[in-house]
N, C-alpha and C. Protein backbone atom coordinates (compact mmCIF):
# COMPACT_ATOMS: atom_id res chain seq x y z
N MET A 1 -126.27 8.38 6.91
CA MET A 1 -126.57 9.01 8.19
C MET A 1 -125.71 10.27 8.30
N PRO A 2 -126.31 11.45 8.25
CA PRO A 2 -125.53 12.68 8.36
C PRO A 2 -124.96 12.86 9.75
N GLY A 3 -123.75 13.38 9.81
CA GLY A 3 -123.11 13.60 11.11
C GLY A 3 -122.81 12.31 11.83
N GLN A 4 -121.87 11.54 11.30
CA GLN A 4 -121.53 10.24 11.88
C GLN A 4 -121.15 10.38 13.35
N ILE A 5 -121.69 9.50 14.18
CA ILE A 5 -121.32 9.47 15.59
C ILE A 5 -120.92 8.05 15.95
N SER A 6 -120.02 7.93 16.89
CA SER A 6 -119.48 6.62 17.25
C SER A 6 -120.50 5.76 17.97
N LYS A 7 -120.22 4.45 18.03
CA LYS A 7 -121.11 3.52 18.75
C LYS A 7 -121.21 3.92 20.21
N ASN A 8 -120.09 4.36 20.78
CA ASN A 8 -120.09 4.74 22.19
C ASN A 8 -120.96 5.97 22.44
N ALA A 9 -120.91 6.93 21.53
CA ALA A 9 -121.71 8.14 21.68
C ALA A 9 -123.19 7.81 21.54
N ARG A 10 -123.53 6.89 20.62
CA ARG A 10 -124.91 6.49 20.44
C ARG A 10 -125.43 5.75 21.65
N ARG A 11 -124.55 5.03 22.29
CA ARG A 11 -124.91 4.24 23.47
C ARG A 11 -125.44 5.14 24.58
N GLU A 12 -124.91 6.35 24.67
CA GLU A 12 -125.31 7.29 25.72
C GLU A 12 -126.65 7.96 25.40
N GLY A 13 -127.19 7.77 24.20
CA GLY A 13 -128.48 8.36 23.86
C GLY A 13 -128.39 9.81 23.43
N ALA A 14 -127.30 10.15 22.73
CA ALA A 14 -127.10 11.52 22.28
C ALA A 14 -128.11 11.92 21.22
N LYS A 15 -128.60 10.94 20.46
CA LYS A 15 -129.50 11.23 19.35
C LYS A 15 -130.64 10.22 19.36
N GLU A 16 -131.85 10.68 19.08
CA GLU A 16 -133.02 9.80 19.04
C GLU A 16 -133.11 9.13 17.68
N LEU A 17 -133.03 7.81 17.64
CA LEU A 17 -133.09 7.07 16.38
C LEU A 17 -134.37 6.25 16.34
N VAL A 18 -135.00 6.16 15.17
CA VAL A 18 -136.27 5.44 15.01
C VAL A 18 -136.09 4.34 13.97
N SER A 19 -136.57 3.15 14.30
CA SER A 19 -136.44 2.02 13.38
C SER A 19 -137.52 2.06 12.30
N ARG A 20 -137.39 1.17 11.32
CA ARG A 20 -138.38 1.12 10.23
C ARG A 20 -139.73 0.63 10.72
N TRP A 21 -139.78 0.01 11.90
CA TRP A 21 -141.05 -0.46 12.47
C TRP A 21 -141.69 0.57 13.39
N GLY A 22 -141.03 1.73 13.54
CA GLY A 22 -141.59 2.80 14.34
C GLY A 22 -141.15 2.80 15.80
N GLY A 23 -140.31 1.85 16.19
CA GLY A 23 -139.82 1.80 17.56
C GLY A 23 -138.53 2.59 17.74
N LYS A 24 -138.22 2.93 18.96
CA LYS A 24 -136.98 3.64 19.26
C LYS A 24 -135.81 2.67 19.26
N ILE A 25 -134.68 3.08 18.70
CA ILE A 25 -133.48 2.24 18.67
C ILE A 25 -132.59 2.62 19.84
N THR A 26 -132.21 1.64 20.63
CA THR A 26 -131.27 1.88 21.73
C THR A 26 -130.05 1.01 21.54
N MET A 27 -128.91 1.53 21.96
CA MET A 27 -127.67 0.78 21.90
C MET A 27 -127.45 0.08 23.23
N LYS A 28 -127.03 -1.16 23.17
CA LYS A 28 -126.72 -1.92 24.38
C LYS A 28 -125.32 -2.47 24.26
N SER A 29 -124.72 -2.81 25.39
CA SER A 29 -123.38 -3.37 25.40
C SER A 29 -123.36 -4.64 26.23
N VAL A 30 -122.60 -5.62 25.77
CA VAL A 30 -122.44 -6.88 26.47
C VAL A 30 -120.96 -7.19 26.56
N PHE A 31 -120.52 -7.63 27.72
CA PHE A 31 -119.13 -8.03 27.90
C PHE A 31 -119.05 -9.54 27.73
N GLU A 32 -118.41 -9.98 26.64
CA GLU A 32 -118.27 -11.42 26.42
C GLU A 32 -116.92 -11.70 25.77
N ASN A 33 -116.32 -12.82 26.16
CA ASN A 33 -115.00 -13.24 25.67
C ASN A 33 -113.94 -12.16 25.85
N GLY A 34 -114.02 -11.42 26.93
CA GLY A 34 -113.02 -10.40 27.24
C GLY A 34 -113.15 -9.13 26.42
N LYS A 35 -114.25 -8.97 25.70
CA LYS A 35 -114.46 -7.78 24.88
C LYS A 35 -115.84 -7.20 25.14
N ILE A 36 -115.97 -5.90 24.92
CA ILE A 36 -117.28 -5.26 25.00
C ILE A 36 -117.87 -5.26 23.60
N ARG A 37 -119.07 -5.79 23.45
CA ARG A 37 -119.75 -5.84 22.15
C ARG A 37 -120.96 -4.94 22.21
N HIS A 38 -121.04 -4.01 21.26
CA HIS A 38 -122.17 -3.09 21.18
C HIS A 38 -123.16 -3.61 20.14
N TYR A 39 -124.43 -3.44 20.40
CA TYR A 39 -125.44 -3.80 19.41
C TYR A 39 -126.66 -2.91 19.58
N ALA A 40 -127.44 -2.82 18.52
CA ALA A 40 -128.64 -1.98 18.51
C ALA A 40 -129.87 -2.86 18.70
N VAL A 41 -130.86 -2.33 19.43
CA VAL A 41 -132.11 -3.06 19.67
C VAL A 41 -133.28 -2.13 19.39
N CYS A 42 -134.28 -2.66 18.67
CA CYS A 42 -135.54 -1.93 18.46
C CYS A 42 -136.43 -2.20 19.67
N ASP A 43 -136.86 -1.15 20.35
CA ASP A 43 -137.68 -1.31 21.55
C ASP A 43 -139.06 -1.89 21.24
N LYS A 44 -139.59 -1.61 20.05
CA LYS A 44 -140.94 -2.06 19.69
C LYS A 44 -140.97 -3.55 19.35
N THR A 45 -140.03 -4.00 18.50
CA THR A 45 -140.06 -5.39 18.02
C THR A 45 -139.06 -6.30 18.73
N GLY A 46 -138.03 -5.72 19.35
CA GLY A 46 -137.03 -6.52 20.02
C GLY A 46 -135.94 -7.06 19.10
N LYS A 47 -135.96 -6.64 17.82
CA LYS A 47 -134.96 -7.09 16.87
C LYS A 47 -133.60 -6.50 17.23
N GLU A 48 -132.54 -7.29 16.99
CA GLU A 48 -131.18 -6.84 17.27
C GLU A 48 -130.38 -6.77 15.98
N ALA A 49 -129.45 -5.82 15.93
CA ALA A 49 -128.54 -5.68 14.80
C ALA A 49 -127.22 -5.12 15.29
N ARG A 50 -126.20 -5.29 14.48
CA ARG A 50 -124.88 -4.82 14.87
C ARG A 50 -124.81 -3.30 14.90
N ARG A 51 -125.48 -2.66 13.92
CA ARG A 51 -125.49 -1.20 13.83
C ARG A 51 -126.93 -0.70 13.80
N PRO A 52 -127.19 0.50 14.29
CA PRO A 52 -128.54 1.07 14.24
C PRO A 52 -129.02 1.24 12.79
N LYS A 53 -128.09 1.50 11.88
CA LYS A 53 -128.43 1.68 10.48
C LYS A 53 -129.13 0.46 9.89
N ASP A 54 -128.78 -0.73 10.39
CA ASP A 54 -129.38 -1.97 9.91
C ASP A 54 -130.86 -2.10 10.29
N LEU A 55 -131.30 -1.34 11.28
CA LEU A 55 -132.70 -1.38 11.73
C LEU A 55 -133.53 -0.27 11.11
N MET A 56 -132.88 0.64 10.39
CA MET A 56 -133.60 1.79 9.81
C MET A 56 -134.17 1.45 8.45
């Protein structure tokens, strides 16, 4: 991925990412066990992954 950007920057929607299934990838955050956990979700299929790269 050229021009690495942090999970937090991706969460704000700075860059449009597309999954291998053709859906848009959005970053979501969940607060659990006293920590914020970020994960990527494909809007088309609903699949979740730790990083957006895993959905590409």
